[in-house]
Amino acid sequence: MKVVLQRSKQASVTVDGQMTGAIDSGYVLLVGITHSDTEADAAYAAKKIAGLRLFEDEHGKMNHSIAEAGGSVLSISQFTLYGDVKKGRRPSFVEAARPEQAEPLWLKFNDELASHGLQVETGVFGAMMDVQLTNDGPVTIVVDSDGAKK
């Protein structure tokens, strides 16, 4: 599981003109799932993200977690994170999990985030989405569950 985390001041996602999720301060998570991912990967990534200290304390140091900062999460499924552009000019998506595997794992990941006390808003799995956000910092981190498998 690969998650691109962007700290944001506000963010929203719209599908077919309807807003499906919105947050104020928090994280926008672009979530990619590959064939070898399991529920353990979802749990690992959620725990890691919930515990990251990416919000500033009174001294300007990144010392507070999202929960301590009172932030929320906007989770967006994004199979293109596993796009391979090594050959040719059009990406190959063979490393991205099929929807029947990816959607339940994305939902599990969102449930795991909520189990850490986080408010989780989402996009719509498999839909064309318009995502708007105001980056904060900007702070962008990539969390990869491959580290949990070693």
N, C-alpha and C. Protein backbone atom coordinates (compact mmCIF):
# COMPACT_ATOMS: atom_id res chain seq x y z
N MET A 1 0.86 -1.17 0.00
CA MET A 1 0.00 0.00 0.00
C MET A 1 0.90 1.22 0.00
N LYS A 2 0.56 2.13 -0.87
CA LYS A 2 1.32 3.36 -1.00
C LYS A 2 0.36 4.51 -0.76
N VAL A 3 0.73 5.42 0.17
CA VAL A 3 -0.12 6.56 0.49
C VAL A 3 0.70 7.83 0.35
N VAL A 4 0.23 8.75 -0.48
CA VAL A 4 0.81 10.08 -0.55
C VAL A 4 -0.01 10.96 0.37
N LEU A 5 0.64 11.48 1.40
CA LEU A 5 -0.01 12.31 2.42
C LEU A 5 0.37 13.76 2.17
N GLN A 6 -0.63 14.61 2.08
CA GLN A 6 -0.38 16.04 1.98
C GLN A 6 -1.10 16.73 3.13
N ARG A 7 -0.33 17.48 3.92
CA ARG A 7 -0.96 18.27 4.98
C ARG A 7 -1.69 19.42 4.31
N SER A 8 -2.92 19.65 4.74
CA SER A 8 -3.71 20.69 4.08
C SER A 8 -4.42 21.58 5.09
N LYS A 9 -4.70 22.80 4.63
CA LYS A 9 -5.48 23.74 5.44
C LYS A 9 -6.96 23.53 5.23
N GLN A 10 -7.33 23.03 4.06
CA GLN A 10 -8.71 22.66 3.72
C GLN A 10 -8.66 21.82 2.47
N ALA A 11 -9.65 20.95 2.32
CA ALA A 11 -9.71 20.10 1.13
C ALA A 11 -11.12 19.59 0.94
N SER A 12 -11.44 19.28 -0.32
CA SER A 12 -12.74 18.68 -0.62
C SER A 12 -12.63 17.83 -1.87
N VAL A 13 -13.58 16.93 -2.02
CA VAL A 13 -13.66 16.08 -3.21
C VAL A 13 -15.10 16.12 -3.71
N THR A 14 -15.22 16.24 -5.04
CA THR A 14 -16.51 16.33 -5.69
C THR A 14 -16.60 15.26 -6.77
N VAL A 15 -17.74 14.60 -6.84
CA VAL A 15 -18.02 13.59 -7.87
C VAL A 15 -19.32 13.99 -8.55
N ASP A 16 -19.28 14.15 -9.85
CA ASP A 16 -20.47 14.53 -10.63
C ASP A 16 -21.17 15.76 -10.05
N GLY A 17 -20.37 16.73 -9.64
CA GLY A 17 -20.92 17.97 -9.12
C GLY A 17 -21.39 17.93 -7.68
N GLN A 18 -21.29 16.77 -7.03
CA GLN A 18 -21.71 16.61 -5.64
C GLN A 18 -20.50 16.43 -4.73
N MET A 19 -20.41 17.24 -3.68
CA MET A 19 -19.31 17.10 -2.74
C MET A 19 -19.53 15.83 -1.91
N THR A 20 -18.53 14.95 -1.91
CA THR A 20 -18.64 13.69 -1.16
C THR A 20 -17.84 13.72 0.13
N GLY A 21 -16.91 14.65 0.24
CA GLY A 21 -16.11 14.75 1.45
C GLY A 21 -15.41 16.09 1.51
N ALA A 22 -15.24 16.60 2.72
CA ALA A 22 -14.55 17.88 2.92
C ALA A 22 -13.97 17.92 4.32
N ILE A 23 -12.81 18.54 4.44
CA ILE A 23 -12.17 18.72 5.75
C ILE A 23 -11.61 20.13 5.86
N ASP A 24 -11.40 20.54 7.07
CA ASP A 24 -10.61 21.73 7.32
C ASP A 24 -9.17 21.25 7.48
N SER A 25 -8.47 21.66 8.46
CA SER A 25 -7.08 21.27 8.67
C SER A 25 -6.94 19.75 8.80
N GLY A 26 -5.92 19.21 8.15
CA GLY A 26 -5.69 17.77 8.27
C GLY A 26 -4.83 17.23 7.16
N TYR A 27 -5.13 15.99 6.77
CA TYR A 27 -4.38 15.29 5.74
C TYR A 27 -5.29 14.93 4.57
N VAL A 28 -4.77 15.13 3.36
CA VAL A 28 -5.35 14.53 2.17
C VAL A 28 -4.50 13.31 1.87
N LEU A 29 -5.13 12.15 1.77
CA LEU A 29 -4.42 10.90 1.54
C LEU A 29 -4.81 10.34 0.19
N LEU A 30 -3.82 10.18 -0.69
CA LEU A 30 -4.02 9.52 -1.97
C LEU A 30 -3.54 8.09 -1.78
N VAL A 31 -4.44 7.12 -1.90
CA VAL A 31 -4.19 5.75 -1.47
C VAL A 31 -4.14 4.81 -2.66
N GLY A 32 -2.99 4.17 -2.86
CA GLY A 32 -2.82 3.17 -3.91
C GLY A 32 -2.64 1.80 -3.29
N ILE A 33 -3.23 0.80 -3.93
CA ILE A 33 -3.18 -0.58 -3.41
C ILE A 33 -2.67 -1.49 -4.52
N THR A 34 -1.73 -2.38 -4.14
CA THR A 34 -1.17 -3.32 -5.09
C THR A 34 -1.60 -4.75 -4.74
N HIS A 35 -1.27 -5.71 -5.59
CA HIS A 35 -1.74 -7.09 -5.48
C HIS A 35 -1.37 -7.77 -4.17
N SER A 36 -0.20 -7.48 -3.64
CA SER A 36 0.27 -8.18 -2.45
C SER A 36 -0.23 -7.55 -1.15
N ASP A 37 -0.98 -6.47 -1.22
CA ASP A 37 -1.45 -5.81 -0.01
C ASP A 37 -2.53 -6.62 0.69
N THR A 38 -2.51 -6.53 2.02
CA THR A 38 -3.45 -7.25 2.87
C THR A 38 -4.04 -6.30 3.90
N GLU A 39 -4.92 -6.82 4.74
CA GLU A 39 -5.47 -6.01 5.83
C GLU A 39 -4.37 -5.55 6.78
N ALA A 40 -3.30 -6.33 6.91
CA ALA A 40 -2.17 -5.93 7.75
C ALA A 40 -1.50 -4.68 7.20
N ASP A 41 -1.43 -4.56 5.89
CA ASP A 41 -0.88 -3.35 5.27
C ASP A 41 -1.75 -2.14 5.58
N ALA A 42 -3.06 -2.33 5.49
CA ALA A 42 -3.99 -1.23 5.79
C ALA A 42 -3.83 -0.79 7.25
N ALA A 43 -3.73 -1.75 8.16
CA ALA A 43 -3.57 -1.42 9.58
C ALA A 43 -2.25 -0.72 9.84
N TYR A 44 -1.18 -1.22 9.21
CA TYR A 44 0.14 -0.60 9.39
C TYR A 44 0.14 0.84 8.90
N ALA A 45 -0.37 1.07 7.69
CA ALA A 45 -0.36 2.42 7.12
C ALA A 45 -1.21 3.37 7.95
N ALA A 46 -2.37 2.92 8.39
CA ALA A 46 -3.25 3.78 9.21
C ALA A 46 -2.60 4.13 10.53
N LYS A 47 -2.00 3.16 11.19
CA LYS A 47 -1.33 3.43 12.47
C LYS A 47 -0.16 4.39 12.29
N LYS A 48 0.62 4.18 11.24
CA LYS A 48 1.76 5.05 10.95
C LYS A 48 1.29 6.48 10.72
N ILE A 49 0.27 6.64 9.90
CA ILE A 49 -0.24 7.98 9.57
C ILE A 49 -0.84 8.65 10.80
N ALA A 50 -1.61 7.91 11.58
CA ALA A 50 -2.22 8.50 12.79
C ALA A 50 -1.16 8.97 13.78
N GLY A 51 -0.01 8.30 13.81
CA GLY A 51 1.02 8.64 14.78
C GLY A 51 2.06 9.65 14.31
N LEU A 52 2.08 9.94 13.00
CA LEU A 52 3.08 10.89 12.49
C LEU A 52 2.92 12.25 13.16
N ARG A 53 4.03 12.87 13.46
CA ARG A 53 4.02 14.20 14.08
C ARG A 53 4.39 15.22 13.00
N LEU A 54 3.37 15.73 12.33
CA LEU A 54 3.59 16.63 11.20
C LEU A 54 2.99 18.01 11.41
N PHE A 55 2.47 18.28 12.61
CA PHE A 55 1.91 19.59 12.92
C PHE A 55 2.81 20.28 13.94
N GLU A 56 2.98 21.59 13.77
CA GLU A 56 3.91 22.35 14.60
C GLU A 56 3.40 22.54 16.02
N ASP A 57 4.36 22.56 16.94
CA ASP A 57 4.08 22.93 18.32
C ASP A 57 4.31 24.43 18.47
N GLU A 58 4.30 24.91 19.72
CA GLU A 58 4.44 26.35 19.98
C GLU A 58 5.82 26.88 19.59
N HIS A 59 6.78 25.98 19.34
CA HIS A 59 8.13 26.38 18.95
C HIS A 59 8.38 26.21 17.44
N GLY A 60 7.34 25.88 16.72
CA GLY A 60 7.47 25.72 15.28
C GLY A 60 8.05 24.39 14.84
N LYS A 61 8.20 23.44 15.76
CA LYS A 61 8.72 22.10 15.43
C LYS A 61 7.56 21.16 15.13
N MET A 62 7.75 20.26 14.17
CA MET A 62 6.73 19.26 13.88
C MET A 62 6.72 18.26 15.03
N ASN A 63 5.82 18.49 15.98
CA ASN A 63 5.78 17.69 17.20
C ASN A 63 4.40 17.17 17.53
N HIS A 64 3.37 17.54 16.76
CA HIS A 64 2.01 17.12 17.09
C HIS A 64 1.44 16.21 16.01
N SER A 65 0.72 15.20 16.46
CA SER A 65 0.02 14.31 15.53
C SER A 65 -1.24 15.00 15.02
N ILE A 66 -1.87 14.40 14.06
CA ILE A 66 -3.10 14.96 13.52
C ILE A 66 -4.19 15.04 14.59
N ALA A 67 -4.28 14.04 15.45
CA ALA A 67 -5.29 14.05 16.52
C ALA A 67 -5.01 15.18 17.50
N GLU A 68 -3.73 15.35 17.86
CA GLU A 68 -3.36 16.44 18.79
C GLU A 68 -3.65 17.80 18.19
N ALA A 69 -3.56 17.91 16.87
CA ALA A 69 -3.81 19.18 16.18
C ALA A 69 -5.30 19.38 15.86
N GLY A 70 -6.12 18.36 16.15
CA GLY A 70 -7.55 18.47 15.87
C GLY A 70 -7.89 18.37 14.40
N GLY A 71 -7.06 17.68 13.63
CA GLY A 71 -7.28 17.58 12.19
C GLY A 71 -8.13 16.40 11.79
N SER A 72 -8.51 16.39 10.52
CA SER A 72 -9.31 15.32 9.92
C SER A 72 -8.58 14.78 8.70
N VAL A 73 -9.14 13.72 8.13
CA VAL A 73 -8.54 13.05 6.98
C VAL A 73 -9.52 13.04 5.82
N LEU A 74 -9.00 13.30 4.62
CA LEU A 74 -9.74 13.11 3.38
C LEU A 74 -9.02 12.02 2.61
N SER A 75 -9.63 10.85 2.49
CA SER A 75 -9.01 9.68 1.88
C SER A 75 -9.55 9.48 0.47
N ILE A 76 -8.63 9.41 -0.50
CA ILE A 76 -8.98 9.28 -1.91
C ILE A 76 -8.29 8.03 -2.47
N SER A 77 -9.06 7.10 -3.02
CA SER A 77 -8.44 5.93 -3.66
C SER A 77 -7.81 6.39 -4.97
N GLN A 78 -6.60 5.89 -5.24
CA GLN A 78 -5.89 6.34 -6.45
C GLN A 78 -4.99 5.25 -6.99
N PHE A 79 -5.53 4.44 -7.91
CA PHE A 79 -4.77 3.34 -8.47
C PHE A 79 -3.57 3.82 -9.26
N THR A 80 -3.57 5.06 -9.74
CA THR A 80 -2.48 5.54 -10.57
C THR A 80 -1.16 5.66 -9.80
N LEU A 81 -1.19 5.54 -8.48
CA LEU A 81 0.07 5.55 -7.71
C LEU A 81 0.94 4.36 -8.07
N TYR A 82 0.33 3.32 -8.60
CA TYR A 82 1.10 2.15 -9.03
C TYR A 82 1.31 2.14 -10.54
N GLY A 83 1.21 3.29 -11.18
CA GLY A 83 1.50 3.41 -12.60
C GLY A 83 3.00 3.28 -12.84
N ASP A 84 3.38 2.49 -13.83
CA ASP A 84 4.79 2.27 -14.17
C ASP A 84 5.06 2.97 -15.50
N VAL A 85 6.02 3.90 -15.49
CA VAL A 85 6.34 4.66 -16.69
C VAL A 85 7.76 4.37 -17.20
N LYS A 86 8.32 3.23 -16.80
CA LYS A 86 9.69 2.89 -17.22
C LYS A 86 9.80 2.68 -18.72
N LYS A 87 8.76 2.12 -19.33
CA LYS A 87 8.80 1.84 -20.77
C LYS A 87 7.71 2.66 -21.46
N GLY A 88 8.07 3.20 -22.59
CA GLY A 88 7.08 3.93 -23.40
C GLY A 88 6.64 5.23 -22.76
N ARG A 89 5.53 5.74 -23.28
CA ARG A 89 5.02 7.03 -22.80
C ARG A 89 3.67 6.91 -22.11
N ARG A 90 3.07 5.74 -22.19
CA ARG A 90 1.79 5.54 -21.52
C ARG A 90 2.02 4.64 -20.31
N PRO A 91 1.53 5.03 -19.14
CA PRO A 91 1.78 4.22 -17.95
C PRO A 91 1.10 2.86 -18.02
N SER A 92 1.74 1.89 -17.39
CA SER A 92 1.17 0.56 -17.21
C SER A 92 0.65 0.49 -15.78
N PHE A 93 -0.53 -0.05 -15.61
CA PHE A 93 -1.13 -0.13 -14.28
C PHE A 93 -1.26 -1.57 -13.79
N VAL A 94 -0.42 -2.46 -14.30
CA VAL A 94 -0.52 -3.87 -13.92
C VAL A 94 -0.20 -4.11 -12.45
N GLU A 95 0.52 -3.19 -11.81
CA GLU A 95 0.85 -3.36 -10.39
C GLU A 95 -0.28 -2.90 -9.47
N ALA A 96 -1.26 -2.18 -10.01
CA ALA A 96 -2.41 -1.75 -9.21
C ALA A 96 -3.36 -2.93 -9.02
N ALA A 97 -3.85 -3.08 -7.80
CA ALA A 97 -4.80 -4.16 -7.50
C ALA A 97 -6.11 -3.93 -8.26
N ARG A 98 -6.77 -5.02 -8.60
CA ARG A 98 -8.08 -4.96 -9.25
C ARG A 98 -9.09 -4.38 -8.25
N PRO A 99 -10.14 -3.75 -8.74
CA PRO A 99 -11.13 -3.12 -7.85
C PRO A 99 -11.70 -4.06 -6.79
N GLU A 100 -11.94 -5.32 -7.15
CA GLU A 100 -12.53 -6.25 -6.17
C GLU A 100 -11.60 -6.53 -4.99
N GLN A 101 -10.31 -6.32 -5.15
CA GLN A 101 -9.36 -6.43 -4.04
C GLN A 101 -9.12 -5.07 -3.41
N ALA A 102 -8.97 -4.05 -4.24
CA ALA A 102 -8.57 -2.73 -3.74
C ALA A 102 -9.66 -2.04 -2.92
N GLU A 103 -10.89 -2.10 -3.36
CA GLU A 103 -11.94 -1.37 -2.64
C GLU A 103 -12.10 -1.84 -1.19
N PRO A 104 -12.20 -3.16 -0.92
CA PRO A 104 -12.31 -3.58 0.48
C PRO A 104 -11.10 -3.16 1.33
N LEU A 105 -9.91 -3.18 0.73
CA LEU A 105 -8.72 -2.77 1.49
C LEU A 105 -8.72 -1.27 1.75
N TRP A 106 -9.19 -0.47 0.80
CA TRP A 106 -9.29 0.97 1.02
C TRP A 106 -10.31 1.25 2.13
N LEU A 107 -11.43 0.56 2.10
CA LEU A 107 -12.44 0.72 3.16
C LEU A 107 -11.88 0.30 4.52
N LYS A 108 -11.13 -0.80 4.54
CA LYS A 108 -10.49 -1.26 5.78
C LYS A 108 -9.50 -0.21 6.29
N PHE A 109 -8.72 0.35 5.39
CA PHE A 109 -7.76 1.41 5.74
C PHE A 109 -8.50 2.59 6.39
N ASN A 110 -9.62 3.00 5.79
CA ASN A 110 -10.38 4.12 6.34
C ASN A 110 -10.94 3.78 7.72
N ASP A 111 -11.43 2.54 7.88
CA ASP A 111 -11.91 2.10 9.20
C ASP A 111 -10.78 2.10 10.23
N GLU A 112 -9.60 1.68 9.81
CA GLU A 112 -8.45 1.67 10.73
C GLU A 112 -8.09 3.09 11.15
N LEU A 113 -8.12 4.04 10.22
CA LEU A 113 -7.87 5.44 10.58
C LEU A 113 -8.89 5.91 11.61
N ALA A 114 -10.16 5.60 11.38
CA ALA A 114 -11.22 5.99 12.32
C ALA A 114 -11.02 5.34 13.68
N SER A 115 -10.48 4.13 13.70
CA SER A 115 -10.25 3.44 14.98
C SER A 115 -9.18 4.13 15.82
N HIS A 116 -8.39 4.99 15.18
CA HIS A 116 -7.39 5.79 15.90
C HIS A 116 -7.96 7.15 16.30
N GLY A 117 -9.27 7.28 16.21
CA GLY A 117 -9.94 8.49 16.66
C GLY A 117 -9.99 9.61 15.64
N LEU A 118 -9.70 9.31 14.39
CA LEU A 118 -9.69 10.35 13.36
C LEU A 118 -11.02 10.42 12.63
N GLN A 119 -11.45 11.64 12.31
CA GLN A 119 -12.61 11.83 11.45
C GLN A 119 -12.13 11.60 10.03
N VAL A 120 -12.81 10.71 9.30
CA VAL A 120 -12.39 10.35 7.95
C VAL A 120 -13.51 10.68 6.96
N GLU A 121 -13.18 11.53 6.00
CA GLU A 121 -14.05 11.82 4.87
C GLU A 121 -13.44 11.13 3.66
N THR A 122 -14.25 10.83 2.66
CA THR A 122 -13.73 10.09 1.52
C THR A 122 -14.25 10.61 0.19
N GLY A 123 -13.55 10.16 -0.83
CA GLY A 123 -14.05 10.29 -2.19
C GLY A 123 -14.92 9.07 -2.46
N VAL A 124 -15.10 8.74 -3.74
CA VAL A 124 -15.90 7.58 -4.15
C VAL A 124 -14.98 6.65 -4.91
N PHE A 125 -14.86 5.42 -4.45
CA PHE A 125 -13.96 4.46 -5.08
C PHE A 125 -14.28 4.31 -6.55
N GLY A 126 -13.26 4.41 -7.40
CA GLY A 126 -13.39 4.19 -8.83
C GLY A 126 -14.00 5.32 -9.63
N ALA A 127 -14.42 6.38 -8.96
CA ALA A 127 -15.07 7.49 -9.66
C ALA A 127 -14.03 8.49 -10.16
N MET A 128 -14.42 9.26 -11.16
CA MET A 128 -13.64 10.42 -11.56
C MET A 128 -13.93 11.51 -10.53
N MET A 129 -12.90 11.99 -9.87
CA MET A 129 -13.09 12.93 -8.77
C MET A 129 -12.35 14.23 -9.03
N ASP A 130 -12.93 15.31 -8.57
CA ASP A 130 -12.26 16.60 -8.55
C ASP A 130 -11.85 16.84 -7.10
N VAL A 131 -10.55 16.91 -6.88
CA VAL A 131 -10.02 17.12 -5.53
C VAL A 131 -9.43 18.52 -5.46
N GLN A 132 -9.87 19.28 -4.49
CA GLN A 132 -9.31 20.61 -4.25
C GLN A 132 -8.69 20.64 -2.87
N LEU A 133 -7.51 21.24 -2.78
CA LEU A 133 -6.90 21.38 -1.47
C LEU A 133 -5.99 22.59 -1.44
N THR A 134 -5.81 23.09 -0.25
CA THR A 134 -4.82 24.12 0.01
C THR A 134 -3.73 23.46 0.81
N ASN A 135 -2.57 23.27 0.17
CA ASN A 135 -1.44 22.64 0.86
C ASN A 135 -1.01 23.51 2.02
N ASP A 136 -0.60 22.86 3.09
CA ASP A 136 -0.10 23.55 4.29
C ASP A 136 1.37 23.24 4.41
N GLY A 137 2.20 24.19 4.13
CA GLY A 137 3.65 24.01 4.24
C GLY A 137 4.39 24.36 2.97
N PRO A 138 4.35 23.58 1.94
CA PRO A 138 3.68 22.29 1.83
C PRO A 138 4.45 21.18 2.54
N VAL A 139 3.69 20.25 3.08
CA VAL A 139 4.25 19.04 3.69
C VAL A 139 3.67 17.86 2.94
N THR A 140 4.54 17.07 2.32
CA THR A 140 4.13 15.88 1.58
C THR A 140 5.02 14.72 1.99
N ILE A 141 4.41 13.62 2.38
CA ILE A 141 5.12 12.42 2.85
C ILE A 141 4.55 11.22 2.09
N VAL A 142 5.41 10.27 1.75
CA VAL A 142 4.95 9.01 1.16
C VAL A 142 5.09 7.92 2.22
N VAL A 143 3.99 7.24 2.50
CA VAL A 143 3.98 6.12 3.44
C VAL A 143 3.78 4.86 2.61
N ASP A 144 4.69 3.90 2.76
CA ASP A 144 4.64 2.66 2.00
C ASP A 144 4.63 1.51 2.98
N SER A 145 3.63 0.63 2.86
CA SER A 145 3.53 -0.48 3.81
C SER A 145 4.57 -1.56 3.55
N ASP A 146 5.37 -1.44 2.50
CA ASP A 146 6.45 -2.42 2.27
C ASP A 146 7.36 -2.53 3.47
N GLY A 147 7.53 -1.46 4.22
CA GLY A 147 8.38 -1.48 5.41
C GLY A 147 7.86 -2.43 6.47
N ALA A 148 6.55 -2.67 6.48
CA ALA A 148 5.95 -3.59 7.46
C ALA A 148 6.23 -5.04 7.12
N LYS A 149 6.59 -5.32 5.88
CA LYS A 149 6.78 -6.70 5.42
C LYS A 149 8.20 -7.19 5.60
N LYS A 150 9.09 -6.31 6.03
CA LYS A 150 10.50 -6.71 6.17
C LYS A 150 10.83 -7.11 7.58
